[in-house]
Every structure is written in C-alpha cells, then in structure tokens.
C-alpha cells in the first residue's frame, strides 16, 4: 500500500528544522520502502505492506530530531478521494487561495465544519472524509472567516497543504 505521511509544523518560520534527507532515512529505518519526500513542509511518500501508524512514526521522529512532530497518514485511495473532490477550477495562485486541511484521525470533517466561521460569498468549504477543502478569492483573504482557524482548538488537530501540493502528492503516489 502507498501512503503519505503529512507532518505538522516542520520548517515553518525557521522553527522545527527537519532536513529532508535525514527524514527519508528515518522512514527507511522504520522499514518503509520507496521513501521520497516532497518539498520542505514535511510530506513523505512511501510504500509499506504492513499497518503503518502515526504514533510509531512520531516516536521515531522525536528520537531523531529531538522535538515532537505530529503526523497524520493517508493511503492512496484517501488522497485520491480528496483530489477527486477538489474542483478543477479551485487553484492556488495569485487570483485564488485554496487549501486542504487534513484532519487528525477521529476528527469528523462535517463536525469540524460546524466549528469554523464560513462567510457566505467569501469562503467556500467542501468537507470530505478526513479533510476540509477551502477556497477564497485572493482579494477577500483578509475578510475570510477561516483565517481565524489558526487560533482555534481545531487547528491543533490538522495539518494544511495547498491544493497544488495535494495534486502533486496524488501524482507522486501514482508513481510509487
């Protein structure tokens, strides 16, 4: 089975520095195969025939890097489902901001949506299994209700990737 490990809060603003080569080696020591990383924000794609669990990975990373790194795992069918739910015209560029908020296991996307301030006419949010997909036109970003998510309890139970990264991860997983 092909998985992606999505690490939360690494290499952000000069904090929690994680070198990608060292990260790959950490995953290989755990017995994962065909390990590759994508960009510095902590995306690790790998193949594993057993049951991969975030807690084992988190313990290994804490030992390797000396600080806690939260991890959520998604298998290929899960990433494909999120990518399929992402409208083709939702992009992350200079006209639009589009992010995918991957939720930790046990956090229901529909319930999480109820905890967010979604401003009609500004924000569009699609709940999918294990994630929320959000888009807003760039000129309206500062008026978005979802900009407040960073200070919420829900924010501690997610990791965010832009839609371009999601699409690239899906393509890279196809190649494994």
N, C-alpha and C. Protein backbone atom coordinates (compact mmCIF):
# COMPACT_ATOMS: atom_id res chain seq x y z
N UNK A 1 0.85 -1.18 0.00
CA UNK A 1 0.00 0.00 0.00
C UNK A 1 0.90 1.24 0.00
N UNK A 2 0.48 2.25 -0.70
CA UNK A 2 1.22 3.51 -0.76
C UNK A 2 0.56 4.50 0.20
N UNK A 3 1.41 5.17 0.98
CA UNK A 3 0.96 6.13 1.98
C UNK A 3 1.67 7.45 1.79
N UNK A 4 1.09 8.50 2.36
CA UNK A 4 1.79 9.75 2.56
C UNK A 4 1.65 10.11 4.03
N UNK A 5 2.79 10.45 4.63
CA UNK A 5 2.80 10.97 5.99
C UNK A 5 2.86 12.48 5.87
N UNK A 6 1.91 13.14 6.49
CA UNK A 6 1.85 14.60 6.48
C UNK A 6 2.28 15.08 7.86
N UNK A 7 3.43 15.73 7.91
CA UNK A 7 3.98 16.21 9.17
C UNK A 7 3.47 17.61 9.44
N UNK A 8 3.18 17.88 10.71
CA UNK A 8 2.64 19.18 11.09
C UNK A 8 3.73 20.07 11.67
N UNK A 9 3.84 21.28 11.12
CA UNK A 9 4.66 22.32 11.73
C UNK A 9 6.16 22.18 11.58
N UNK A 10 6.64 21.51 10.55
CA UNK A 10 8.09 21.44 10.35
C UNK A 10 8.53 22.49 9.34
N UNK A 11 9.72 23.03 9.58
CA UNK A 11 10.33 24.01 8.67
C UNK A 11 9.42 25.21 8.41
N UNK A 12 8.74 25.66 9.45
CA UNK A 12 7.86 26.82 9.34
C UNK A 12 8.50 27.98 10.09
N UNK A 13 8.79 29.05 9.38
CA UNK A 13 9.36 30.23 10.02
C UNK A 13 10.68 29.97 10.73
N UNK A 14 11.47 29.05 10.20
CA UNK A 14 12.77 28.76 10.79
C UNK A 14 12.72 27.88 12.02
N UNK A 15 11.54 27.40 12.37
CA UNK A 15 11.40 26.56 13.56
C UNK A 15 11.21 25.10 13.16
N UNK A 16 11.53 24.22 14.11
CA UNK A 16 11.37 22.78 13.91
C UNK A 16 12.00 22.32 12.59
N UNK A 17 13.29 22.63 12.46
CA UNK A 17 14.02 22.33 11.23
C UNK A 17 14.18 20.82 11.05
N UNK A 18 13.79 20.35 9.89
CA UNK A 18 13.91 18.94 9.54
C UNK A 18 14.53 18.85 8.15
N UNK A 19 15.69 18.24 8.08
CA UNK A 19 16.35 18.04 6.80
C UNK A 19 15.69 16.86 6.09
N UNK A 20 15.33 17.04 4.84
CA UNK A 20 14.57 16.03 4.11
C UNK A 20 15.35 14.72 3.92
N UNK A 21 16.64 14.78 3.68
CA UNK A 21 17.42 13.54 3.53
C UNK A 21 17.39 12.74 4.84
N UNK A 22 17.54 13.42 5.94
CA UNK A 22 17.50 12.75 7.25
C UNK A 22 16.11 12.20 7.54
N UNK A 23 15.09 12.92 7.11
CA UNK A 23 13.71 12.47 7.27
C UNK A 23 13.48 11.19 6.48
N UNK A 24 13.95 11.16 5.24
CA UNK A 24 13.83 9.95 4.41
C UNK A 24 14.52 8.76 5.08
N UNK A 25 15.71 8.99 5.60
CA UNK A 25 16.45 7.92 6.27
C UNK A 25 15.70 7.40 7.49
N UNK A 26 15.06 8.29 8.22
CA UNK A 26 14.27 7.89 9.39
C UNK A 26 13.14 6.95 8.99
N UNK A 27 12.48 7.27 7.90
CA UNK A 27 11.38 6.42 7.42
C UNK A 27 11.90 5.08 6.91
N UNK A 28 13.05 5.10 6.26
CA UNK A 28 13.64 3.85 5.77
C UNK A 28 14.02 2.94 6.94
N UNK A 29 14.52 3.52 8.03
CA UNK A 29 14.87 2.72 9.21
C UNK A 29 13.64 2.07 9.83
N UNK A 30 12.47 2.65 9.61
CA UNK A 30 11.23 2.06 10.12
C UNK A 30 10.74 0.90 9.24
N UNK A 31 11.44 0.65 8.15
CA UNK A 31 11.08 -0.46 7.27
C UNK A 31 10.21 -0.07 6.09
N UNK A 32 10.00 1.23 5.89
CA UNK A 32 9.21 1.68 4.76
C UNK A 32 10.07 1.66 3.50
N UNK A 33 9.44 1.44 2.36
CA UNK A 33 10.16 1.32 1.10
C UNK A 33 9.76 2.43 0.13
N UNK A 34 10.61 2.63 -0.88
CA UNK A 34 10.37 3.65 -1.91
C UNK A 34 10.06 5.01 -1.28
N UNK A 35 10.81 5.36 -0.24
CA UNK A 35 10.56 6.59 0.51
C UNK A 35 11.04 7.78 -0.30
N UNK A 36 10.18 8.77 -0.42
CA UNK A 36 10.55 10.04 -1.06
C UNK A 36 9.84 11.17 -0.35
N UNK A 37 10.45 12.32 -0.36
CA UNK A 37 9.83 13.50 0.25
C UNK A 37 9.45 14.47 -0.86
N UNK A 38 8.51 15.32 -0.53
CA UNK A 38 8.12 16.37 -1.47
C UNK A 38 8.09 17.70 -0.73
N UNK A 39 8.81 18.63 -1.19
CA UNK A 39 9.05 19.96 -0.63
C UNK A 39 9.35 19.89 0.88
N UNK A 40 9.78 20.98 1.43
CA UNK A 40 10.29 21.03 2.79
C UNK A 40 9.22 21.06 3.88
N UNK A 41 7.96 21.00 3.53
CA UNK A 41 6.90 21.14 4.54
C UNK A 41 6.52 19.83 5.21
N UNK A 42 7.24 18.76 4.91
CA UNK A 42 7.00 17.50 5.61
C UNK A 42 5.98 16.60 4.96
N UNK A 43 6.22 16.22 3.74
CA UNK A 43 5.38 15.27 3.01
C UNK A 43 6.26 14.08 2.65
N UNK A 44 5.94 12.92 3.20
CA UNK A 44 6.76 11.74 2.97
C UNK A 44 5.89 10.65 2.35
N UNK A 45 6.23 10.27 1.14
CA UNK A 45 5.51 9.21 0.43
C UNK A 45 6.31 7.94 0.58
N UNK A 46 5.62 6.83 0.83
CA UNK A 46 6.31 5.56 0.99
C UNK A 46 5.37 4.40 0.72
N UNK A 47 5.99 3.25 0.52
CA UNK A 47 5.24 2.01 0.33
C UNK A 47 5.49 1.13 1.54
N UNK A 48 4.42 0.47 1.99
CA UNK A 48 4.54 -0.42 3.15
C UNK A 48 3.44 -1.45 3.08
N UNK A 49 3.80 -2.70 3.28
CA UNK A 49 2.82 -3.77 3.19
C UNK A 49 2.14 -4.08 4.51
N UNK A 50 2.63 -3.49 5.59
CA UNK A 50 2.03 -3.71 6.90
C UNK A 50 1.06 -2.61 7.26
N UNK A 51 0.79 -2.51 8.56
CA UNK A 51 -0.07 -1.45 9.07
C UNK A 51 0.81 -0.31 9.56
N UNK A 52 0.75 0.80 8.89
CA UNK A 52 1.53 1.98 9.30
C UNK A 52 0.69 2.77 10.29
N UNK A 53 1.32 3.21 11.38
CA UNK A 53 0.56 4.01 12.34
C UNK A 53 1.34 5.28 12.70
N UNK A 54 0.63 6.38 12.87
CA UNK A 54 1.29 7.66 13.13
C UNK A 54 2.10 7.67 14.43
N UNK A 55 1.63 6.97 15.46
CA UNK A 55 2.32 7.01 16.75
C UNK A 55 3.74 6.46 16.65
N UNK A 56 3.92 5.37 15.92
CA UNK A 56 5.25 4.79 15.74
C UNK A 56 6.16 5.78 15.02
N UNK A 57 5.64 6.41 14.00
CA UNK A 57 6.42 7.40 13.24
C UNK A 57 6.75 8.59 14.13
N UNK A 58 5.77 9.08 14.89
CA UNK A 58 6.01 10.23 15.77
C UNK A 58 7.11 9.94 16.79
N UNK A 59 7.10 8.74 17.39
CA UNK A 59 8.15 8.37 18.36
C UNK A 59 9.52 8.36 17.69
N UNK A 60 9.61 7.76 16.51
CA UNK A 60 10.89 7.69 15.80
C UNK A 60 11.39 9.09 15.44
N UNK A 61 10.50 9.96 15.01
CA UNK A 61 10.91 11.31 14.63
C UNK A 61 11.33 12.12 15.84
N UNK A 62 10.66 11.94 16.96
CA UNK A 62 11.05 12.65 18.20
C UNK A 62 12.46 12.24 18.61
N UNK A 63 12.77 10.95 18.49
CA UNK A 63 14.12 10.47 18.80
C UNK A 63 15.15 11.05 17.84
N UNK A 64 14.80 11.07 16.57
CA UNK A 64 15.73 11.53 15.54
C UNK A 64 15.99 13.03 15.60
N UNK A 65 14.92 13.82 15.78
CA UNK A 65 15.05 15.27 15.66
C UNK A 65 15.01 16.02 16.99
N UNK A 66 14.63 15.34 18.06
CA UNK A 66 14.67 15.96 19.37
C UNK A 66 13.50 16.85 19.73
N UNK A 67 12.44 16.78 18.97
CA UNK A 67 11.21 17.51 19.30
C UNK A 67 10.02 16.75 18.73
N UNK A 68 8.85 17.04 19.30
CA UNK A 68 7.63 16.35 18.88
C UNK A 68 7.17 16.83 17.51
N UNK A 69 6.85 15.87 16.65
CA UNK A 69 6.30 16.16 15.33
C UNK A 69 5.03 15.34 15.18
N UNK A 70 3.91 16.02 15.04
CA UNK A 70 2.64 15.32 14.83
C UNK A 70 2.56 14.86 13.38
N UNK A 71 1.96 13.68 13.19
CA UNK A 71 1.88 13.06 11.87
C UNK A 71 0.47 12.54 11.65
N UNK A 72 -0.04 12.74 10.46
CA UNK A 72 -1.25 12.05 10.04
C UNK A 72 -0.90 11.28 8.77
N UNK A 73 -1.47 10.11 8.64
CA UNK A 73 -1.21 9.26 7.47
C UNK A 73 -2.44 9.19 6.58
N UNK A 74 -2.19 9.16 5.29
CA UNK A 74 -3.26 8.93 4.32
C UNK A 74 -2.77 7.89 3.32
N UNK A 75 -3.65 6.96 3.00
CA UNK A 75 -3.29 5.99 1.97
C UNK A 75 -3.69 6.56 0.61
N UNK A 76 -3.27 5.86 -0.43
CA UNK A 76 -3.52 6.35 -1.79
C UNK A 76 -5.01 6.54 -2.09
N UNK A 77 -5.89 5.58 -1.74
CA UNK A 77 -7.31 5.81 -2.01
C UNK A 77 -7.86 7.06 -1.30
N UNK A 78 -7.37 7.34 -0.10
CA UNK A 78 -7.82 8.52 0.63
C UNK A 78 -7.39 9.81 -0.08
N UNK A 79 -6.14 9.86 -0.50
CA UNK A 79 -5.64 11.04 -1.22
C UNK A 79 -6.37 11.19 -2.55
N UNK A 80 -6.60 10.08 -3.23
CA UNK A 80 -7.34 10.13 -4.49
C UNK A 80 -8.75 10.67 -4.29
N UNK A 81 -9.41 10.30 -3.19
CA UNK A 81 -10.77 10.77 -2.91
C UNK A 81 -10.78 12.28 -2.67
N UNK A 82 -9.79 12.77 -1.93
CA UNK A 82 -9.72 14.22 -1.68
C UNK A 82 -9.43 14.94 -3.00
N UNK A 83 -8.50 14.42 -3.78
CA UNK A 83 -8.16 15.04 -5.07
C UNK A 83 -9.37 15.06 -6.01
N UNK A 84 -10.16 13.98 -6.00
CA UNK A 84 -11.35 13.92 -6.85
C UNK A 84 -12.41 14.92 -6.40
N UNK A 85 -12.48 15.20 -5.11
CA UNK A 85 -13.47 16.15 -4.59
C UNK A 85 -13.06 17.61 -4.83
N UNK A 86 -11.80 17.83 -5.16
CA UNK A 86 -11.28 19.17 -5.39
C UNK A 86 -11.67 19.63 -6.80
N UNK A 87 -12.52 20.65 -6.89
CA UNK A 87 -12.91 21.12 -8.23
C UNK A 87 -11.69 21.57 -9.05
N UNK A 88 -11.70 21.27 -10.33
CA UNK A 88 -10.58 21.60 -11.20
C UNK A 88 -10.27 23.09 -11.23
N UNK A 89 -11.31 23.92 -11.05
CA UNK A 89 -11.08 25.36 -11.14
C UNK A 89 -10.70 25.99 -9.79
N UNK A 90 -10.54 25.17 -8.75
CA UNK A 90 -10.03 25.66 -7.47
C UNK A 90 -8.52 25.54 -7.52
N UNK A 91 -7.84 26.68 -7.48
CA UNK A 91 -6.39 26.71 -7.65
C UNK A 91 -5.77 27.55 -6.54
N UNK A 92 -4.47 27.42 -6.43
CA UNK A 92 -3.73 28.27 -5.50
C UNK A 92 -2.75 29.07 -6.35
N UNK A 93 -3.13 30.31 -6.60
CA UNK A 93 -2.30 31.17 -7.43
C UNK A 93 -2.53 32.62 -7.00
N UNK A 94 -2.23 33.57 -7.86
CA UNK A 94 -2.37 34.97 -7.46
C UNK A 94 -3.82 35.46 -7.50
N UNK A 95 -4.75 34.63 -7.99
CA UNK A 95 -6.17 35.02 -8.01
C UNK A 95 -6.99 34.34 -6.92
N UNK A 96 -6.51 33.19 -6.44
CA UNK A 96 -7.28 32.38 -5.51
C UNK A 96 -6.35 31.67 -4.53
N UNK A 97 -6.83 31.52 -3.30
CA UNK A 97 -6.14 30.70 -2.30
C UNK A 97 -6.99 29.46 -2.10
N UNK A 98 -6.37 28.29 -2.16
CA UNK A 98 -7.09 27.03 -1.97
C UNK A 98 -6.22 26.10 -1.14
N UNK A 99 -6.73 25.72 0.02
CA UNK A 99 -6.01 24.84 0.93
C UNK A 99 -6.82 23.60 1.26
N UNK A 100 -6.10 22.54 1.60
CA UNK A 100 -6.71 21.32 2.09
C UNK A 100 -6.26 21.17 3.54
N UNK A 101 -7.23 21.10 4.44
CA UNK A 101 -6.95 20.93 5.86
C UNK A 101 -7.15 19.45 6.18
N UNK A 102 -6.05 18.73 6.33
CA UNK A 102 -6.11 17.31 6.66
C UNK A 102 -6.33 17.18 8.16
N UNK A 103 -7.39 16.49 8.54
CA UNK A 103 -7.78 16.37 9.94
C UNK A 103 -7.20 15.10 10.55
N UNK A 104 -6.88 15.20 11.81
CA UNK A 104 -6.37 14.03 12.53
C UNK A 104 -7.45 12.98 12.61
N UNK A 105 -7.04 11.72 12.75
CA UNK A 105 -7.99 10.62 12.94
C UNK A 105 -8.92 10.96 14.10
N UNK A 106 -10.18 10.65 13.94
CA UNK A 106 -11.15 10.91 14.98
C UNK A 106 -11.83 12.27 14.89
N UNK A 107 -11.32 13.14 14.01
CA UNK A 107 -11.96 14.44 13.81
C UNK A 107 -12.85 14.32 12.58
N UNK A 108 -14.15 14.48 12.78
CA UNK A 108 -15.12 14.37 11.69
C UNK A 108 -15.15 15.66 10.89
N UNK A 109 -15.05 15.56 9.57
CA UNK A 109 -14.99 16.76 8.73
C UNK A 109 -16.28 17.57 8.79
N UNK A 110 -17.43 16.91 8.87
CA UNK A 110 -18.69 17.65 8.94
C UNK A 110 -18.83 18.37 10.28
N UNK A 111 -18.43 17.71 11.36
CA UNK A 111 -18.47 18.35 12.68
C UNK A 111 -17.46 19.49 12.74
N UNK A 112 -16.27 19.29 12.15
CA UNK A 112 -15.25 20.34 12.14
C UNK A 112 -15.75 21.57 11.39
N UNK A 113 -16.47 21.35 10.32
CA UNK A 113 -17.01 22.45 9.54
C UNK A 113 -17.93 23.33 10.39
N UNK A 114 -18.67 22.72 11.29
CA UNK A 114 -19.56 23.47 12.18
C UNK A 114 -18.79 24.36 13.15
N UNK A 115 -17.52 24.03 13.43
CA UNK A 115 -16.69 24.83 14.33
C UNK A 115 -16.01 26.00 13.64
N UNK A 116 -16.16 26.10 12.34
CA UNK A 116 -15.50 27.15 11.57
C UNK A 116 -16.46 28.28 11.23
N UNK A 117 -15.89 29.46 11.05
CA UNK A 117 -16.67 30.60 10.59
C UNK A 117 -16.51 30.70 9.08
N UNK A 118 -17.53 30.24 8.38
CA UNK A 118 -17.51 30.28 6.92
C UNK A 118 -18.38 31.45 6.50
N UNK A 119 -17.77 32.45 5.89
CA UNK A 119 -18.51 33.64 5.47
C UNK A 119 -19.08 33.44 4.07
N UNK A 120 -20.42 33.44 3.97
CA UNK A 120 -21.07 33.30 2.66
C UNK A 120 -20.60 34.39 1.70
N UNK A 121 -20.38 34.00 0.45
CA UNK A 121 -19.93 34.95 -0.56
C UNK A 121 -18.44 35.21 -0.53
N UNK A 122 -17.76 34.70 0.50
CA UNK A 122 -16.31 34.88 0.61
C UNK A 122 -15.62 33.52 0.61
N UNK A 123 -16.01 32.67 1.56
CA UNK A 123 -15.41 31.35 1.70
C UNK A 123 -16.27 30.28 1.04
N UNK A 124 -15.61 29.30 0.46
CA UNK A 124 -16.28 28.07 0.04
C UNK A 124 -15.51 26.93 0.68
N UNK A 125 -16.23 26.03 1.34
CA UNK A 125 -15.60 24.91 2.02
C UNK A 125 -16.35 23.63 1.66
N UNK A 126 -15.57 22.61 1.30
CA UNK A 126 -16.14 21.30 0.99
C UNK A 126 -15.58 20.29 2.00
N UNK A 127 -16.46 19.68 2.79
CA UNK A 127 -15.97 18.61 3.67
C UNK A 127 -15.87 17.30 2.88
N UNK A 128 -14.77 16.59 3.07
CA UNK A 128 -14.58 15.26 2.51
C UNK A 128 -14.04 14.39 3.64
N UNK A 129 -14.08 13.11 3.47
CA UNK A 129 -13.60 12.21 4.51
C UNK A 129 -12.17 12.57 4.91
N UNK A 130 -11.98 12.99 6.17
CA UNK A 130 -10.66 13.27 6.69
C UNK A 130 -10.07 14.62 6.35
N UNK A 131 -10.85 15.48 5.69
CA UNK A 131 -10.29 16.77 5.27
C UNK A 131 -11.39 17.79 5.01
N UNK A 132 -10.95 19.04 4.96
CA UNK A 132 -11.79 20.14 4.52
C UNK A 132 -11.04 20.85 3.39
N UNK A 133 -11.74 21.14 2.30
CA UNK A 133 -11.14 21.86 1.19
C UNK A 133 -11.73 23.26 1.20
N UNK A 134 -10.86 24.26 1.20
CA UNK A 134 -11.29 25.66 1.32
C UNK A 134 -10.72 26.48 0.18
N UNK A 135 -11.56 27.38 -0.32
CA UNK A 135 -11.09 28.34 -1.33
C UNK A 135 -11.65 29.71 -1.02
N UNK A 136 -10.87 30.70 -1.39
CA UNK A 136 -11.26 32.10 -1.24
C UNK A 136 -10.51 32.89 -2.32
N UNK A 137 -11.19 33.88 -2.90
CA UNK A 137 -10.50 34.74 -3.86
C UNK A 137 -9.44 35.55 -3.13
N UNK A 138 -8.27 35.72 -3.72
CA UNK A 138 -7.15 36.41 -3.07
C UNK A 138 -7.53 37.78 -2.50
N UNK A 139 -8.29 38.61 -3.24
CA UNK A 139 -8.62 39.92 -2.66
C UNK A 139 -9.48 39.84 -1.39
N UNK A 140 -10.11 38.71 -1.16
CA UNK A 140 -11.00 38.56 0.00
C UNK A 140 -10.36 37.78 1.15
N UNK A 141 -9.11 37.39 1.03
CA UNK A 141 -8.48 36.55 2.05
C UNK A 141 -8.57 37.17 3.43
N UNK A 142 -8.33 38.46 3.55
CA UNK A 142 -8.33 39.09 4.88
C UNK A 142 -9.73 39.17 5.48
N UNK A 143 -10.77 39.02 4.67
CA UNK A 143 -12.15 39.02 5.18
C UNK A 143 -12.66 37.62 5.45
N UNK A 144 -11.88 36.61 5.12
CA UNK A 144 -12.29 35.22 5.28
C UNK A 144 -12.46 34.87 6.75
N UNK A 145 -13.51 34.14 7.05
CA UNK A 145 -13.71 33.65 8.41
C UNK A 145 -12.73 32.54 8.76
N UNK A 146 -12.20 31.87 7.76
CA UNK A 146 -11.29 30.76 8.03
C UNK A 146 -9.88 31.20 8.41
N UNK A 147 -9.59 32.47 8.26
CA UNK A 147 -8.28 32.96 8.70
C UNK A 147 -8.16 32.87 10.22
N UNK A 148 -9.28 32.73 10.91
CA UNK A 148 -9.28 32.64 12.37
C UNK A 148 -9.02 31.22 12.86
N UNK A 149 -8.98 30.25 11.97
CA UNK A 149 -8.81 28.85 12.37
C UNK A 149 -7.47 28.65 13.09
N UNK A 150 -6.45 29.45 12.74
CA UNK A 150 -5.12 29.27 13.32
C UNK A 150 -5.13 29.43 14.84
N UNK A 151 -6.03 30.17 15.40
CA UNK A 151 -6.08 30.35 16.84
C UNK A 151 -7.04 29.41 17.55
N UNK A 152 -7.60 28.45 16.83
CA UNK A 152 -8.64 27.59 17.41
C UNK A 152 -8.09 26.25 17.89
N UNK A 153 -8.87 25.57 18.70
CA UNK A 153 -8.51 24.22 19.13
C UNK A 153 -8.48 23.26 17.94
N UNK A 154 -9.37 23.46 16.99
CA UNK A 154 -9.41 22.61 15.81
C UNK A 154 -8.08 22.63 15.06
N UNK A 155 -7.43 23.79 15.04
CA UNK A 155 -6.17 23.96 14.30
C UNK A 155 -5.10 22.99 14.79
N UNK A 156 -5.14 22.63 16.07
CA UNK A 156 -4.17 21.71 16.64
C UNK A 156 -4.39 20.28 16.15
N UNK A 157 -5.52 20.03 15.51
CA UNK A 157 -5.88 18.69 15.03
C UNK A 157 -5.89 18.61 13.52
N UNK A 158 -5.03 19.40 12.89
CA UNK A 158 -4.96 19.38 11.42
C UNK A 158 -3.58 19.77 10.95
N UNK A 159 -3.32 19.47 9.70
CA UNK A 159 -2.16 20.00 9.01
C UNK A 159 -2.66 20.45 7.64
N UNK A 160 -2.14 21.56 7.16
CA UNK A 160 -2.69 22.20 5.96
C UNK A 160 -1.69 22.13 4.81
N UNK A 161 -2.21 21.81 3.63
CA UNK A 161 -1.42 21.84 2.41
C UNK A 161 -2.23 22.59 1.36
N UNK A 162 -1.55 23.32 0.48
CA UNK A 162 -2.33 23.98 -0.58
C UNK A 162 -2.74 22.95 -1.62
N UNK A 163 -3.70 23.31 -2.45
CA UNK A 163 -4.27 22.35 -3.40
C UNK A 163 -3.24 21.90 -4.43
N UNK A 164 -2.26 22.76 -4.76
CA UNK A 164 -1.21 22.36 -5.69
C UNK A 164 -0.40 21.20 -5.11
N UNK A 165 -0.10 21.30 -3.81
CA UNK A 165 0.64 20.23 -3.14
C UNK A 165 -0.17 18.95 -3.13
N UNK A 166 -1.46 19.05 -2.83
CA UNK A 166 -2.31 17.84 -2.84
C UNK A 166 -2.26 17.16 -4.20
N UNK A 167 -2.43 17.93 -5.25
CA UNK A 167 -2.43 17.35 -6.59
C UNK A 167 -1.08 16.70 -6.91
N UNK A 168 0.01 17.34 -6.51
CA UNK A 168 1.34 16.78 -6.75
C UNK A 168 1.54 15.50 -5.93
N UNK A 169 1.08 15.49 -4.68
CA UNK A 169 1.20 14.28 -3.86
C UNK A 169 0.45 13.11 -4.49
N UNK A 170 -0.74 13.39 -5.01
CA UNK A 170 -1.51 12.34 -5.67
C UNK A 170 -0.74 11.78 -6.87
N UNK A 171 -0.14 12.65 -7.64
CA UNK A 171 0.64 12.21 -8.81
C UNK A 171 1.88 11.42 -8.39
N UNK A 172 2.56 11.88 -7.35
CA UNK A 172 3.75 11.17 -6.88
C UNK A 172 3.38 9.80 -6.32
N UNK A 173 2.24 9.71 -5.65
CA UNK A 173 1.80 8.42 -5.12
C UNK A 173 1.48 7.46 -6.25
N UNK A 174 0.96 7.98 -7.37
CA UNK A 174 0.71 7.14 -8.55
C UNK A 174 2.00 6.51 -9.06
N UNK A 175 3.11 7.22 -8.91
CA UNK A 175 4.39 6.77 -9.45
C UNK A 175 5.07 5.73 -8.57
N UNK A 176 4.63 5.55 -7.33
CA UNK A 176 5.28 4.59 -6.43
C UNK A 176 4.80 3.20 -6.72
